[in-house]
Amino acid sequence: MKRFLKKTIFFSGLFILSFMIFVGIDIFYSGNQYLNNYQASVIDKIQRLESIKEPKIILVGNSNVAFGINSKMIEDALGMPVVNLGLHGAMGNTFHENMIKGNVNPGDIVVICHSDFGDDGTLGDPGLAWITIEKHKELYYLISPQDYPSMLKAYPRYAMKCLGMKIKHSGNGIAGGSYSRQAFNEY
C-alpha cells in the first residue's frame, strides 16, 4: 500500500509539474495569438464601456447587434453615447451579460438583444471563449464559475494552437473583411 501511495504521489506531482510547464510555455512564450480577429474586438468594446462615465446606451447581444445596429444613428438621434457590445453568439447569453458587470451606472440604458433566450446559462463554445479572452486577465471576469470545468477542458487545445501559430509566425495577422477587429468603428 505504501508503494502504491508513493507512486500515486510521484505521478500526480509529475502531472502537475508538466501542466505547470505547459501553462508557462503558453503564457510566456506563445502569448496572445488572436489579437486581430473578430473576437478581439471585445477588448475595445470593454474599454469604450469603461471610458464613458456619463449616461450611455449599452447594447448587449450577439453578432446581430454587432452587425445589425447603427450605433452612431442611435447616438445622434438620442443624444447619448452608445456602446455596442455585440459579439459572437456562441459565447452564450451569460458571457454577453457579464460584459456589463460593474460598468452600468445610474442613467445608463441597457438594451439586451439576445437571439436565443433558451440557453442554459453556460458558454456555448469554450474554445472560442479562450480565443476571446486569451491572456487578458482583465477579461477573465467574463467567464462564469460554472464554465470553469469546460474552459479547463478546452485549454490544452487552445494552447497548442497558440504554440503552433507562434512557431509558424502565423498568429496576430490582420484578418480581412467583417470578421476582424479592425472592421469595427468606435462604437
N, C-alpha and C. Protein backbone atom coordinates (compact mmCIF):
# COMPACT_ATOMS: atom_id res chain seq x y z
N MET A 1 0.83 -1.20 0.00
CA MET A 1 0.00 0.00 0.00
C MET A 1 0.87 1.26 0.00
N LYS A 2 1.98 1.23 0.77
CA LYS A 2 2.88 2.38 0.82
C LYS A 2 3.49 2.64 -0.55
N ARG A 3 3.86 1.57 -1.22
CA ARG A 3 4.49 1.70 -2.53
C ARG A 3 3.49 2.32 -3.53
N PHE A 4 2.25 1.87 -3.50
CA PHE A 4 1.22 2.41 -4.37
C PHE A 4 1.01 3.90 -4.09
N LEU A 5 0.97 4.25 -2.83
CA LEU A 5 0.77 5.64 -2.43
C LEU A 5 1.94 6.51 -2.92
N LYS A 6 3.15 6.01 -2.77
CA LYS A 6 4.33 6.76 -3.24
C LYS A 6 4.27 6.98 -4.76
N LYS A 7 3.89 5.93 -5.50
CA LYS A 7 3.80 6.05 -6.96
C LYS A 7 2.70 7.04 -7.35
N THR A 8 1.59 6.97 -6.65
CA THR A 8 0.48 7.89 -6.93
C THR A 8 0.91 9.33 -6.70
N ILE A 9 1.58 9.58 -5.60
CA ILE A 9 2.06 10.93 -5.28
C ILE A 9 3.08 11.37 -6.31
N PHE A 10 4.00 10.48 -6.68
CA PHE A 10 5.03 10.80 -7.67
C PHE A 10 4.40 11.17 -9.01
N PHE A 11 3.49 10.34 -9.52
CA PHE A 11 2.88 10.60 -10.82
C PHE A 11 1.96 11.82 -10.78
N SER A 12 1.30 12.04 -9.65
CA SER A 12 0.49 13.24 -9.52
C SER A 12 1.37 14.49 -9.56
N GLY A 13 2.47 14.45 -8.85
CA GLY A 13 3.42 15.56 -8.86
C GLY A 13 4.01 15.78 -10.25
N LEU A 14 4.33 14.70 -10.93
CA LEU A 14 4.87 14.79 -12.29
C LEU A 14 3.83 15.41 -13.23
N PHE A 15 2.57 15.01 -13.09
CA PHE A 15 1.50 15.57 -13.91
C PHE A 15 1.34 17.07 -13.64
N ILE A 16 1.31 17.44 -12.39
CA ILE A 16 1.14 18.85 -12.02
C ILE A 16 2.32 19.68 -12.53
N LEU A 17 3.53 19.18 -12.38
CA LEU A 17 4.72 19.88 -12.88
C LEU A 17 4.66 20.03 -14.39
N SER A 18 4.28 18.97 -15.09
CA SER A 18 4.17 19.02 -16.55
C SER A 18 3.13 20.05 -16.98
N PHE A 19 2.00 20.07 -16.29
CA PHE A 19 0.94 21.02 -16.62
C PHE A 19 1.42 22.44 -16.38
N MET A 20 2.14 22.66 -15.29
CA MET A 20 2.66 24.00 -14.98
C MET A 20 3.65 24.45 -16.05
N ILE A 21 4.50 23.55 -16.53
CA ILE A 21 5.45 23.88 -17.59
C ILE A 21 4.69 24.23 -18.87
N PHE A 22 3.67 23.43 -19.18
CA PHE A 22 2.83 23.66 -20.36
C PHE A 22 2.17 25.04 -20.30
N VAL A 23 1.59 25.39 -19.17
CA VAL A 23 0.95 26.69 -18.99
C VAL A 23 1.99 27.80 -19.09
N GLY A 24 3.16 27.59 -18.49
CA GLY A 24 4.23 28.59 -18.56
C GLY A 24 4.66 28.86 -19.99
N ILE A 25 4.80 27.81 -20.79
CA ILE A 25 5.16 27.98 -22.20
C ILE A 25 4.08 28.77 -22.92
N ASP A 26 2.82 28.43 -22.63
CA ASP A 26 1.71 29.13 -23.28
C ASP A 26 1.71 30.61 -22.92
N ILE A 27 1.87 30.91 -21.66
CA ILE A 27 1.79 32.30 -21.21
C ILE A 27 3.03 33.11 -21.64
N PHE A 28 4.21 32.58 -21.35
CA PHE A 28 5.43 33.37 -21.53
C PHE A 28 6.06 33.25 -22.92
N TYR A 29 5.75 32.18 -23.65
CA TYR A 29 6.32 32.05 -24.99
C TYR A 29 5.26 32.31 -26.07
N SER A 30 4.18 31.56 -26.02
CA SER A 30 3.15 31.68 -27.08
C SER A 30 2.46 33.03 -27.03
N GLY A 31 2.05 33.45 -25.86
CA GLY A 31 1.36 34.74 -25.72
C GLY A 31 0.04 34.78 -26.47
N ASN A 32 -0.46 35.97 -26.70
CA ASN A 32 -1.71 36.16 -27.43
C ASN A 32 -1.47 35.98 -28.92
N GLN A 33 -2.32 35.21 -29.56
CA GLN A 33 -2.17 34.95 -31.00
C GLN A 33 -3.39 35.37 -31.82
N TYR A 34 -4.41 35.89 -31.14
CA TYR A 34 -5.65 36.23 -31.83
C TYR A 34 -6.02 37.70 -31.64
N LEU A 35 -5.04 38.58 -31.61
CA LEU A 35 -5.29 39.99 -31.30
C LEU A 35 -5.99 40.78 -32.40
N ASN A 36 -6.11 40.23 -33.59
CA ASN A 36 -6.72 40.99 -34.69
C ASN A 36 -7.98 40.36 -35.26
N ASN A 37 -8.50 39.33 -34.60
CA ASN A 37 -9.71 38.70 -35.13
C ASN A 37 -10.97 39.36 -34.55
N TYR A 38 -12.09 38.93 -35.02
CA TYR A 38 -13.39 39.46 -34.61
C TYR A 38 -13.57 39.42 -33.10
N GLN A 39 -13.19 38.33 -32.48
CA GLN A 39 -13.38 38.15 -31.04
C GLN A 39 -12.55 39.16 -30.23
N ALA A 40 -11.40 39.56 -30.74
CA ALA A 40 -10.54 40.50 -30.02
C ALA A 40 -11.18 41.88 -29.91
N SER A 41 -12.22 42.13 -30.67
CA SER A 41 -12.91 43.42 -30.56
C SER A 41 -13.50 43.61 -29.17
N VAL A 42 -13.64 42.53 -28.41
CA VAL A 42 -14.15 42.64 -27.03
C VAL A 42 -13.27 43.56 -26.20
N ILE A 43 -11.99 43.58 -26.47
CA ILE A 43 -11.05 44.44 -25.74
C ILE A 43 -11.45 45.90 -25.93
N ASP A 44 -11.68 46.29 -27.18
CA ASP A 44 -12.03 47.68 -27.49
C ASP A 44 -13.43 48.01 -26.97
N LYS A 45 -14.34 47.07 -27.06
CA LYS A 45 -15.71 47.29 -26.61
C LYS A 45 -15.75 47.53 -25.10
N ILE A 46 -15.02 46.72 -24.35
CA ILE A 46 -14.99 46.87 -22.88
C ILE A 46 -14.29 48.19 -22.52
N GLN A 47 -13.21 48.53 -23.22
CA GLN A 47 -12.53 49.79 -22.94
C GLN A 47 -13.46 50.98 -23.18
N ARG A 48 -14.23 50.93 -24.25
CA ARG A 48 -15.18 52.02 -24.51
C ARG A 48 -16.23 52.08 -23.41
N LEU A 49 -16.74 50.93 -23.02
CA LEU A 49 -17.75 50.88 -21.95
C LEU A 49 -17.21 51.49 -20.66
N GLU A 50 -15.98 51.15 -20.30
CA GLU A 50 -15.37 51.66 -19.06
C GLU A 50 -15.00 53.14 -19.16
N SER A 51 -14.73 53.63 -20.36
CA SER A 51 -14.26 55.01 -20.51
C SER A 51 -15.38 56.05 -20.46
N ILE A 52 -16.60 55.66 -20.74
CA ILE A 52 -17.70 56.62 -20.78
C ILE A 52 -18.37 56.64 -19.41
N LYS A 53 -18.19 57.74 -18.71
CA LYS A 53 -18.73 57.88 -17.35
C LYS A 53 -20.12 58.49 -17.33
N GLU A 54 -20.47 59.22 -18.37
CA GLU A 54 -21.78 59.85 -18.44
C GLU A 54 -22.85 58.81 -18.79
N PRO A 55 -24.13 59.13 -18.62
CA PRO A 55 -25.18 58.18 -19.00
C PRO A 55 -25.03 57.78 -20.47
N LYS A 56 -25.19 56.51 -20.72
CA LYS A 56 -24.96 55.96 -22.06
C LYS A 56 -25.98 54.88 -22.36
N ILE A 57 -26.06 54.52 -23.62
CA ILE A 57 -26.89 53.40 -24.06
C ILE A 57 -25.95 52.23 -24.32
N ILE A 58 -26.22 51.11 -23.67
CA ILE A 58 -25.37 49.92 -23.81
C ILE A 58 -26.18 48.84 -24.52
N LEU A 59 -25.69 48.41 -25.66
CA LEU A 59 -26.35 47.36 -26.44
C LEU A 59 -25.63 46.04 -26.19
N VAL A 60 -26.36 45.06 -25.72
CA VAL A 60 -25.80 43.75 -25.38
C VAL A 60 -26.45 42.70 -26.26
N GLY A 61 -25.66 41.86 -26.88
CA GLY A 61 -26.23 40.79 -27.70
C GLY A 61 -25.19 40.10 -28.55
N ASN A 62 -25.70 39.35 -29.48
CA ASN A 62 -24.87 38.53 -30.36
C ASN A 62 -24.41 39.35 -31.57
N SER A 63 -23.94 38.67 -32.59
CA SER A 63 -23.45 39.37 -33.77
C SER A 63 -24.58 40.12 -34.48
N ASN A 64 -25.83 39.76 -34.20
CA ASN A 64 -26.93 40.54 -34.77
C ASN A 64 -26.86 41.99 -34.29
N VAL A 65 -26.35 42.21 -33.10
CA VAL A 65 -26.17 43.57 -32.57
C VAL A 65 -24.92 44.20 -33.18
N ALA A 66 -23.85 43.42 -33.27
CA ALA A 66 -22.59 43.95 -33.81
C ALA A 66 -22.74 44.40 -35.26
N PHE A 67 -23.47 43.63 -36.06
CA PHE A 67 -23.58 43.94 -37.49
C PHE A 67 -24.91 44.57 -37.89
N GLY A 68 -25.92 44.49 -37.03
CA GLY A 68 -27.24 44.92 -37.43
C GLY A 68 -27.73 46.23 -36.84
N ILE A 69 -26.92 46.87 -36.02
CA ILE A 69 -27.34 48.11 -35.36
C ILE A 69 -26.41 49.25 -35.78
N ASN A 70 -27.01 50.37 -36.14
CA ASN A 70 -26.24 51.57 -36.47
C ASN A 70 -26.13 52.42 -35.19
N SER A 71 -25.08 52.19 -34.43
CA SER A 71 -24.90 52.86 -33.13
C SER A 71 -24.79 54.36 -33.26
N LYS A 72 -24.12 54.83 -34.30
CA LYS A 72 -23.97 56.28 -34.49
C LYS A 72 -25.33 56.94 -34.71
N MET A 73 -26.19 56.29 -35.48
CA MET A 73 -27.52 56.84 -35.73
C MET A 73 -28.32 56.93 -34.42
N ILE A 74 -28.21 55.92 -33.58
CA ILE A 74 -28.90 55.94 -32.28
C ILE A 74 -28.33 57.06 -31.42
N GLU A 75 -27.00 57.18 -31.39
CA GLU A 75 -26.36 58.23 -30.60
C GLU A 75 -26.80 59.61 -31.07
N ASP A 76 -26.80 59.84 -32.38
CA ASP A 76 -27.21 61.14 -32.92
C ASP A 76 -28.68 61.43 -32.61
N ALA A 77 -29.53 60.43 -32.73
CA ALA A 77 -30.97 60.62 -32.53
C ALA A 77 -31.31 60.87 -31.06
N LEU A 78 -30.62 60.19 -30.14
CA LEU A 78 -30.98 60.28 -28.73
C LEU A 78 -30.04 61.17 -27.91
N GLY A 79 -28.94 61.58 -28.50
CA GLY A 79 -28.02 62.47 -27.81
C GLY A 79 -27.29 61.83 -26.64
N MET A 80 -27.13 60.52 -26.68
CA MET A 80 -26.40 59.79 -25.64
C MET A 80 -25.35 58.91 -26.30
N PRO A 81 -24.17 58.78 -25.68
CA PRO A 81 -23.17 57.87 -26.25
C PRO A 81 -23.70 56.44 -26.27
N VAL A 82 -23.31 55.72 -27.29
CA VAL A 82 -23.74 54.33 -27.44
C VAL A 82 -22.51 53.42 -27.39
N VAL A 83 -22.65 52.32 -26.65
CA VAL A 83 -21.62 51.29 -26.60
C VAL A 83 -22.25 50.01 -27.12
N ASN A 84 -21.73 49.51 -28.23
CA ASN A 84 -22.26 48.30 -28.85
C ASN A 84 -21.37 47.12 -28.45
N LEU A 85 -21.90 46.25 -27.60
CA LEU A 85 -21.14 45.10 -27.11
C LEU A 85 -21.46 43.82 -27.87
N GLY A 86 -22.07 43.93 -29.04
CA GLY A 86 -22.40 42.74 -29.83
C GLY A 86 -21.17 41.90 -30.12
N LEU A 87 -21.31 40.60 -29.91
CA LEU A 87 -20.20 39.65 -30.11
C LEU A 87 -20.79 38.31 -30.52
N HIS A 88 -19.96 37.42 -30.95
CA HIS A 88 -20.34 36.09 -31.45
C HIS A 88 -21.36 35.40 -30.54
N GLY A 89 -22.42 34.88 -31.14
CA GLY A 89 -23.49 34.24 -30.38
C GLY A 89 -23.08 32.97 -29.66
N ALA A 90 -22.04 32.28 -30.12
CA ALA A 90 -21.63 31.04 -29.46
C ALA A 90 -21.05 31.28 -28.07
N MET A 91 -20.84 32.54 -27.73
CA MET A 91 -20.34 32.83 -26.38
C MET A 91 -21.43 32.58 -25.33
N GLY A 92 -22.67 32.69 -25.74
CA GLY A 92 -23.77 32.48 -24.81
C GLY A 92 -24.22 33.77 -24.16
N ASN A 93 -25.48 33.79 -23.76
CA ASN A 93 -26.06 35.00 -23.19
C ASN A 93 -25.36 35.45 -21.91
N THR A 94 -24.98 34.51 -21.06
CA THR A 94 -24.35 34.87 -19.79
C THR A 94 -23.03 35.60 -20.03
N PHE A 95 -22.24 35.15 -20.99
CA PHE A 95 -20.98 35.83 -21.32
C PHE A 95 -21.27 37.27 -21.72
N HIS A 96 -22.25 37.46 -22.60
CA HIS A 96 -22.59 38.81 -23.05
C HIS A 96 -23.05 39.68 -21.88
N GLU A 97 -23.87 39.11 -21.02
CA GLU A 97 -24.36 39.86 -19.86
C GLU A 97 -23.23 40.19 -18.89
N ASN A 98 -22.25 39.30 -18.77
CA ASN A 98 -21.11 39.56 -17.88
C ASN A 98 -20.29 40.76 -18.35
N MET A 99 -20.38 41.10 -19.63
CA MET A 99 -19.60 42.21 -20.16
C MET A 99 -19.98 43.54 -19.48
N ILE A 100 -21.20 43.65 -19.00
CA ILE A 100 -21.62 44.92 -18.40
C ILE A 100 -21.44 44.95 -16.88
N LYS A 101 -21.08 43.82 -16.29
CA LYS A 101 -20.93 43.78 -14.83
C LYS A 101 -19.94 44.84 -14.35
N GLY A 102 -20.39 45.62 -13.39
CA GLY A 102 -19.53 46.65 -12.82
C GLY A 102 -19.38 47.88 -13.68
N ASN A 103 -20.03 47.90 -14.83
CA ASN A 103 -19.89 49.03 -15.76
C ASN A 103 -21.19 49.72 -16.09
N VAL A 104 -22.23 49.44 -15.32
CA VAL A 104 -23.51 50.12 -15.52
C VAL A 104 -23.66 51.16 -14.40
N ASN A 105 -23.95 52.38 -14.79
CA ASN A 105 -24.07 53.49 -13.84
C ASN A 105 -25.48 54.07 -13.87
N PRO A 106 -25.85 54.84 -12.86
CA PRO A 106 -27.16 55.49 -12.87
C PRO A 106 -27.33 56.31 -14.15
N GLY A 107 -28.48 56.19 -14.77
CA GLY A 107 -28.77 56.91 -16.00
C GLY A 107 -28.47 56.12 -17.26
N ASP A 108 -27.75 55.01 -17.14
CA ASP A 108 -27.46 54.18 -18.30
C ASP A 108 -28.71 53.44 -18.74
N ILE A 109 -28.82 53.22 -20.03
CA ILE A 109 -29.90 52.42 -20.59
C ILE A 109 -29.26 51.17 -21.18
N VAL A 110 -29.67 50.01 -20.70
CA VAL A 110 -29.13 48.74 -21.19
C VAL A 110 -30.20 48.06 -22.03
N VAL A 111 -29.85 47.74 -23.28
CA VAL A 111 -30.77 47.05 -24.19
C VAL A 111 -30.16 45.68 -24.47
N ILE A 112 -30.88 44.64 -24.06
CA ILE A 112 -30.40 43.27 -24.25
C ILE A 112 -31.13 42.67 -25.44
N CYS A 113 -30.37 42.24 -26.42
CA CYS A 113 -30.93 41.75 -27.69
C CYS A 113 -30.45 40.33 -27.99
N HIS A 114 -30.73 39.40 -27.11
CA HIS A 114 -30.30 38.03 -27.39
C HIS A 114 -31.13 37.44 -28.51
N SER A 115 -30.50 36.64 -29.35
CA SER A 115 -31.24 35.98 -30.42
C SER A 115 -31.72 34.60 -29.98
N ASP A 116 -31.22 34.12 -28.84
CA ASP A 116 -31.62 32.82 -28.33
C ASP A 116 -31.85 32.95 -26.83
N PHE A 117 -33.09 32.89 -26.41
CA PHE A 117 -33.39 33.02 -24.99
C PHE A 117 -33.52 31.66 -24.32
N GLY A 118 -33.26 30.59 -25.04
CA GLY A 118 -33.40 29.26 -24.47
C GLY A 118 -32.09 28.65 -24.01
N ASP A 119 -31.10 29.48 -23.79
CA ASP A 119 -29.80 28.92 -23.40
C ASP A 119 -29.82 28.48 -21.94
N ASP A 120 -28.81 27.72 -21.56
CA ASP A 120 -28.74 27.19 -20.19
C ASP A 120 -27.82 27.99 -19.28
N GLY A 121 -27.37 29.15 -19.73
CA GLY A 121 -26.52 30.00 -18.89
C GLY A 121 -25.06 29.63 -18.91
N THR A 122 -24.65 28.77 -19.84
CA THR A 122 -23.24 28.40 -19.92
C THR A 122 -22.69 28.82 -21.28
N LEU A 123 -21.38 28.74 -21.39
CA LEU A 123 -20.71 29.05 -22.65
C LEU A 123 -21.11 28.03 -23.71
N GLY A 124 -21.39 28.51 -24.89
CA GLY A 124 -21.68 27.59 -25.98
C GLY A 124 -20.41 26.96 -26.53
N ASP A 125 -19.31 27.71 -26.53
CA ASP A 125 -18.07 27.25 -27.14
C ASP A 125 -16.88 27.71 -26.31
N PRO A 126 -16.41 26.89 -25.37
CA PRO A 126 -15.28 27.28 -24.52
C PRO A 126 -13.99 27.56 -25.31
N GLY A 127 -13.80 26.87 -26.42
CA GLY A 127 -12.62 27.14 -27.25
C GLY A 127 -12.65 28.55 -27.81
N LEU A 128 -13.82 28.98 -28.24
CA LEU A 128 -13.98 30.34 -28.73
C LEU A 128 -13.79 31.34 -27.59
N ALA A 129 -14.21 30.95 -26.40
CA ALA A 129 -14.01 31.83 -25.24
C ALA A 129 -12.52 32.04 -24.98
N TRP A 130 -11.71 30.98 -25.11
CA TRP A 130 -10.26 31.16 -24.94
C TRP A 130 -9.70 32.10 -25.98
N ILE A 131 -10.15 31.96 -27.23
CA ILE A 131 -9.68 32.86 -28.29
C ILE A 131 -10.08 34.30 -27.97
N THR A 132 -11.22 34.47 -27.31
CA THR A 132 -11.72 35.80 -26.98
C THR A 132 -10.96 36.45 -25.84
N ILE A 133 -10.77 35.72 -24.75
CA ILE A 133 -10.13 36.34 -23.57
C ILE A 133 -8.62 36.18 -23.57
N GLU A 134 -8.10 35.16 -24.24
CA GLU A 134 -6.67 34.86 -24.30
C GLU A 134 -5.99 35.05 -22.95
N LYS A 135 -4.92 35.81 -22.93
CA LYS A 135 -4.17 36.02 -21.67
C LYS A 135 -4.49 37.39 -21.08
N HIS A 136 -5.63 37.95 -21.44
CA HIS A 136 -6.07 39.25 -20.92
C HIS A 136 -6.77 39.03 -19.59
N LYS A 137 -6.00 39.04 -18.51
CA LYS A 137 -6.56 38.75 -17.18
C LYS A 137 -7.72 39.66 -16.83
N GLU A 138 -7.71 40.88 -17.35
CA GLU A 138 -8.79 41.81 -17.05
C GLU A 138 -10.12 41.37 -17.67
N LEU A 139 -10.08 40.39 -18.56
CA LEU A 139 -11.31 39.88 -19.17
C LEU A 139 -11.78 38.56 -18.55
N TYR A 140 -11.04 38.02 -17.61
CA TYR A 140 -11.40 36.72 -17.06
C TYR A 140 -12.73 36.74 -16.30
N TYR A 141 -13.18 37.92 -15.87
CA TYR A 141 -14.46 38.01 -15.18
C TYR A 141 -15.62 37.66 -16.11
N LEU A 142 -15.38 37.65 -17.41
CA LEU A 142 -16.43 37.33 -18.36
C LEU A 142 -16.82 35.85 -18.31
N ILE A 143 -15.95 35.04 -17.74
CA ILE A 143 -16.22 33.60 -17.63
C ILE A 143 -16.88 33.34 -16.28
N SER A 144 -18.06 32.74 -16.31
CA SER A 144 -18.78 32.42 -15.08
C SER A 144 -18.19 31.17 -14.43
N PRO A 145 -18.24 31.08 -13.10
CA PRO A 145 -17.66 29.92 -12.41
C PRO A 145 -18.17 28.57 -12.91
N GLN A 146 -19.43 28.49 -13.32
CA GLN A 146 -19.94 27.20 -13.80
C GLN A 146 -19.27 26.77 -15.10
N ASP A 147 -18.57 27.70 -15.77
CA ASP A 147 -17.89 27.38 -17.02
C ASP A 147 -16.42 27.00 -16.82
N TYR A 148 -15.91 27.09 -15.61
CA TYR A 148 -14.50 26.76 -15.37
C TYR A 148 -14.15 25.35 -15.83
N PRO A 149 -14.95 24.32 -15.53
CA PRO A 149 -14.57 22.97 -15.99
C PRO A 149 -14.47 22.86 -17.50
N SER A 150 -15.43 23.43 -18.23
CA SER A 150 -15.36 23.34 -19.69
C SER A 150 -14.20 24.16 -20.24
N MET A 151 -13.90 25.28 -19.58
CA MET A 151 -12.75 26.10 -20.00
C MET A 151 -11.44 25.33 -19.78
N LEU A 152 -11.35 24.65 -18.64
CA LEU A 152 -10.15 23.86 -18.36
C LEU A 152 -9.99 22.74 -19.39
N LYS A 153 -11.08 22.12 -19.75
CA LYS A 153 -11.04 21.05 -20.74
C LYS A 153 -10.61 21.57 -22.11
N ALA A 154 -11.04 22.77 -22.48
CA ALA A 154 -10.73 23.35 -23.79
C ALA A 154 -9.33 23.98 -23.84
N TYR A 155 -8.73 24.23 -22.68
CA TYR A 155 -7.46 24.95 -22.63
C TYR A 155 -6.31 24.27 -23.40
N PRO A 156 -6.07 22.97 -23.24
CA PRO A 156 -4.92 22.38 -23.94
C PRO A 156 -4.97 22.56 -25.46
N ARG A 157 -6.14 22.39 -26.04
CA ARG A 157 -6.27 22.56 -27.49
C ARG A 157 -5.97 24.01 -27.89
N TYR A 158 -6.52 24.97 -27.14
CA TYR A 158 -6.26 26.38 -27.42
C TYR A 158 -4.76 26.67 -27.30
N ALA A 159 -4.15 26.20 -26.23
CA ALA A 159 -2.73 26.46 -26.00
C ALA A 159 -1.86 25.85 -27.09
N MET A 160 -2.21 24.65 -27.54
CA MET A 160 -1.44 24.01 -28.62
C MET A 160 -1.58 24.80 -29.93
N LYS A 161 -2.79 25.30 -30.20
CA LYS A 161 -2.98 26.13 -31.40
C LYS A 161 -2.12 27.39 -31.31
N CYS A 162 -2.10 28.02 -30.13
CA CYS A 162 -1.28 29.23 -29.95
C CYS A 162 0.20 28.92 -30.15
N LEU A 163 0.65 27.81 -29.61
CA LEU A 163 2.05 27.42 -29.76
C LEU A 163 2.38 27.20 -31.23
N GLY A 164 1.50 26.50 -31.94
CA GLY A 164 1.71 26.27 -33.37
C GLY A 164 1.76 27.57 -34.15
N MET A 165 0.87 28.49 -33.82
CA MET A 165 0.85 29.78 -34.51
C MET A 165 2.11 30.58 -34.21
N LYS A 166 2.58 30.51 -32.97
CA LYS A 166 3.80 31.23 -32.60
C LYS A 166 5.00 30.67 -33.37
N ILE A 167 5.10 29.36 -33.42
CA ILE A 167 6.22 28.71 -34.11
C ILE A 167 6.19 29.03 -35.61
N LYS A 168 5.01 29.01 -36.20
CA LYS A 168 4.86 29.27 -37.64
C LYS A 168 4.77 30.75 -37.98
N HIS A 169 4.79 31.61 -36.96
CA HIS A 169 4.64 33.06 -37.15
C HIS A 169 3.36 33.39 -37.92
N SER A 170 2.30 32.68 -37.60
CA SER A 170 1.03 32.90 -38.31
C SER A 170 -0.03 33.55 -37.43
N GLY A 171 0.30 33.85 -36.19
CA GLY A 171 -0.67 34.47 -35.29
C GLY A 171 -0.73 35.97 -35.46
N ASN A 172 -1.80 36.55 -34.96
CA ASN A 172 -2.00 38.01 -34.93
C ASN A 172 -1.98 38.67 -36.30
N GLY A 173 -2.29 37.91 -37.33
CA GLY A 173 -2.38 38.50 -38.66
C GLY A 173 -3.61 39.38 -38.76
N ILE A 174 -3.55 40.35 -39.62
CA ILE A 174 -4.69 41.23 -39.84
C ILE A 174 -5.70 40.45 -40.69
N ALA A 175 -6.82 40.15 -40.07
CA ALA A 175 -7.87 39.44 -40.78
C ALA A 175 -8.62 40.44 -41.66
N GLY A 176 -9.05 39.99 -42.80
CA GLY A 176 -9.77 40.88 -43.70
C GLY A 176 -11.28 40.75 -43.52
N GLY A 177 -11.99 41.67 -44.07
CA GLY A 177 -13.44 41.60 -44.07
C GLY A 177 -14.08 41.96 -42.75
N SER A 178 -15.33 41.57 -42.60
CA SER A 178 -16.13 41.92 -41.43
C SER A 178 -15.67 41.25 -40.15
N TYR A 179 -15.04 40.10 -40.29
CA TYR A 179 -14.69 39.33 -39.10
C TYR A 179 -13.28 39.61 -38.62
N SER A 180 -12.98 40.89 -38.47
CA SER A 180 -11.69 41.30 -37.92
C SER A 180 -11.92 42.41 -36.91
N ARG A 181 -10.98 42.57 -36.05
CA ARG A 181 -11.05 43.62 -35.03
C ARG A 181 -11.08 45.00 -35.69
N GLN A 182 -10.37 45.16 -36.78
CA GLN A 182 -10.27 46.43 -37.46
C GLN A 182 -11.55 46.83 -38.18
N ALA A 183 -12.48 45.89 -38.36
CA ALA A 183 -13.71 46.18 -39.08
C ALA A 183 -14.69 47.02 -38.25
N PHE A 184 -14.44 47.12 -36.95
CA PHE A 184 -15.37 47.83 -36.08
C PHE A 184 -14.97 49.31 -35.96
N ASN A 185 -15.99 50.15 -35.82
CA ASN A 185 -15.73 51.57 -35.59
C ASN A 185 -15.68 51.83 -34.08
N GLU A 186 -15.65 53.09 -33.69
CA GLU A 186 -15.51 53.44 -32.27
C GLU A 186 -16.64 52.94 -31.40
N TYR A 187 -17.78 52.61 -31.97
CA TYR A 187 -18.92 52.20 -31.18
C TYR A 187 -18.84 50.74 -30.79
